[in-house]
Amino acid sequence: MLINLALQLLVLGIVIISTLLTVTVPIILASPGQWEQSKNLIYTGAGIWAGLIIFTGFINSLAT
């Protein structure tokens, strides 16, 4: 029961971060000069997203 709740929260986090990245990355890339200022933020967001994917898969393997 607790693992199911954790999985749901992790998937919610993935959806939220995916939505934020889907909206912000094109805006940053289309704005002149914004890439140099924001690339660390984009890389951090992508790293957190990838980490959540891996961690969710790990937790899911424990649930089965």
C-alpha atoms as a PDB file:
ATOM      1  CA  MET A   1       0.000   0.000   0.000  1.00  0.00           C
ATOM      2  CA  LEU A   2       2.772   2.439   0.900  1.00  0.00           C
ATOM      3  CA  ILE A   3       4.785   1.512  -2.180  1.00  0.00           C
ATOM      4  CA  ASN A   4       1.764   2.186  -4.396  1.00  0.00           C
ATOM      5  CA  LEU A   5       1.429   5.670  -2.910  1.00  0.00           C
ATOM      6  CA  ALA A   6       5.156   6.281  -3.408  1.00  0.00           C
ATOM      7  CA  LEU A   7       4.885   5.185  -7.045  1.00  0.00           C
ATOM      8  CA  GLN A   8       1.950   7.488  -7.649  1.00  0.00           C
ATOM      9  CA  LEU A   9       3.835  10.438  -6.155  1.00  0.00           C
ATOM     10  CA  LEU A  10       6.937   9.632  -8.202  1.00  0.00           C
ATOM     11  CA  VAL A  11       4.908   9.452 -11.405  1.00  0.00           C
ATOM     12  CA  LEU A  12       3.239  12.748 -10.499  1.00  0.00           C
ATOM     13  CA  GLY A  13       6.704  14.265 -10.083  1.00  0.00           C
ATOM     14  CA  ILE A  14       7.746  12.932 -13.481  1.00  0.00           C
ATOM     15  CA  VAL A  15       4.622  14.408 -15.101  1.00  0.00           C
ATOM     16  CA  ILE A  16       5.171  17.806 -13.481  1.00  0.00           C
ATOM     17  CA  ILE A  17       8.854  17.994 -14.400  1.00  0.00           C
ATOM     18  CA  SER A  18       8.137  16.743 -17.925  1.00  0.00           C
ATOM     19  CA  THR A  19       5.519  19.449 -18.385  1.00  0.00           C
ATOM     20  CA  LEU A  20       7.831  22.141 -17.057  1.00  0.00           C
ATOM     21  CA  LEU A  21      10.677  21.034 -19.312  1.00  0.00           C
ATOM     22  CA  THR A  22       8.367  20.759 -22.324  1.00  0.00           C
ATOM     23  CA  VAL A  23       7.267  24.365 -21.833  1.00  0.00           C
ATOM     24  CA  THR A  24      10.510  26.011 -20.723  1.00  0.00           C
ATOM     25  CA  VAL A  25      13.125  24.427 -22.999  1.00  0.00           C
ATOM     26  CA  PRO A  26      11.649  25.719 -26.290  1.00  0.00           C
ATOM     27  CA  ILE A  27      11.142  29.167 -24.757  1.00  0.00           C
ATOM     28  CA  ILE A  28      14.740  29.296 -23.551  1.00  0.00           C
ATOM     29  CA  LEU A  29      16.101  28.054 -26.870  1.00  0.00           C
ATOM     30  CA  ALA A  30      14.015  30.583 -28.829  1.00  0.00           C
ATOM     31  CA  SER A  31      15.070  33.545 -26.689  1.00  0.00           C
ATOM     32  CA  PRO A  32      18.321  35.215 -27.759  1.00  0.00           C
ATOM     33  CA  GLY A  33      21.066  34.831 -25.166  1.00  0.00           C
ATOM     34  CA  GLN A  34      18.962  32.826 -22.719  1.00  0.00           C
ATOM     35  CA  TRP A  35      20.697  29.509 -23.378  1.00  0.00           C
ATOM     36  CA  GLU A  36      23.969  30.629 -21.803  1.00  0.00           C
ATOM     37  CA  GLN A  37      22.176  31.897 -18.717  1.00  0.00           C
ATOM     38  CA  SER A  38      19.817  28.954 -18.294  1.00  0.00           C
ATOM     39  CA  LYS A  39      21.691  25.878 -19.504  1.00  0.00           C
ATOM     40  CA  ASN A  40      22.656  24.789 -15.970  1.00  0.00           C
ATOM     41  CA  LEU A  41      18.993  24.949 -14.964  1.00  0.00           C
ATOM     42  CA  ILE A  42      17.986  22.857 -17.985  1.00  0.00           C
ATOM     43  CA  TYR A  43      20.723  20.297 -17.331  1.00  0.00           C
ATOM     44  CA  THR A  44      19.692  20.100 -13.674  1.00  0.00           C
ATOM     45  CA  GLY A  45      16.039  19.588 -14.621  1.00  0.00           C
ATOM     46  CA  ALA A  46      16.964  16.892 -17.120  1.00  0.00           C
ATOM     47  CA  GLY A  47      19.137  15.172 -14.516  1.00  0.00           C
ATOM     48  CA  ILE A  48      16.361  15.228 -11.934  1.00  0.00           C
ATOM     49  CA  TRP A  49      13.934  13.892 -14.546  1.00  0.00           C
ATOM     50  CA  ALA A  50      16.289  11.023 -15.478  1.00  0.00           C
ATOM     51  CA  GLY A  51      16.903  10.264 -11.820  1.00  0.00           C
ATOM     52  CA  LEU A  52      13.176  10.102 -11.150  1.00  0.00           C
ATOM     53  CA  ILE A  53      12.714   7.706 -14.074  1.00  0.00           C
ATOM     54  CA  ILE A  54      15.416   5.366 -12.758  1.00  0.00           C
ATOM     55  CA  PHE A  55      14.255   5.628  -9.140  1.00  0.00           C
ATOM     56  CA  THR A  56      10.630   4.984 -10.143  1.00  0.00           C
ATOM     57  CA  GLY A  57      11.695   1.886 -12.036  1.00  0.00           C
ATOM     58  CA  PHE A  58      13.611   0.671  -8.990  1.00  0.00           C
ATOM     59  CA  ILE A  59      10.668   1.246  -6.645  1.00  0.00           C
ATOM     60  CA  ASN A  60       8.347  -0.442  -9.152  1.00  0.00           C
ATOM     61  CA  SER A  61      10.585  -3.515  -9.182  1.00  0.00           C
ATOM     62  CA  LEU A  62      10.203  -3.724  -5.401  1.00  0.00           C
ATOM     63  CA  ALA A  63       6.418  -3.527  -5.655  1.00  0.00           C
ATOM     64  CA  THR A  64       6.056  -6.631  -7.797  1.00  0.00           C
END
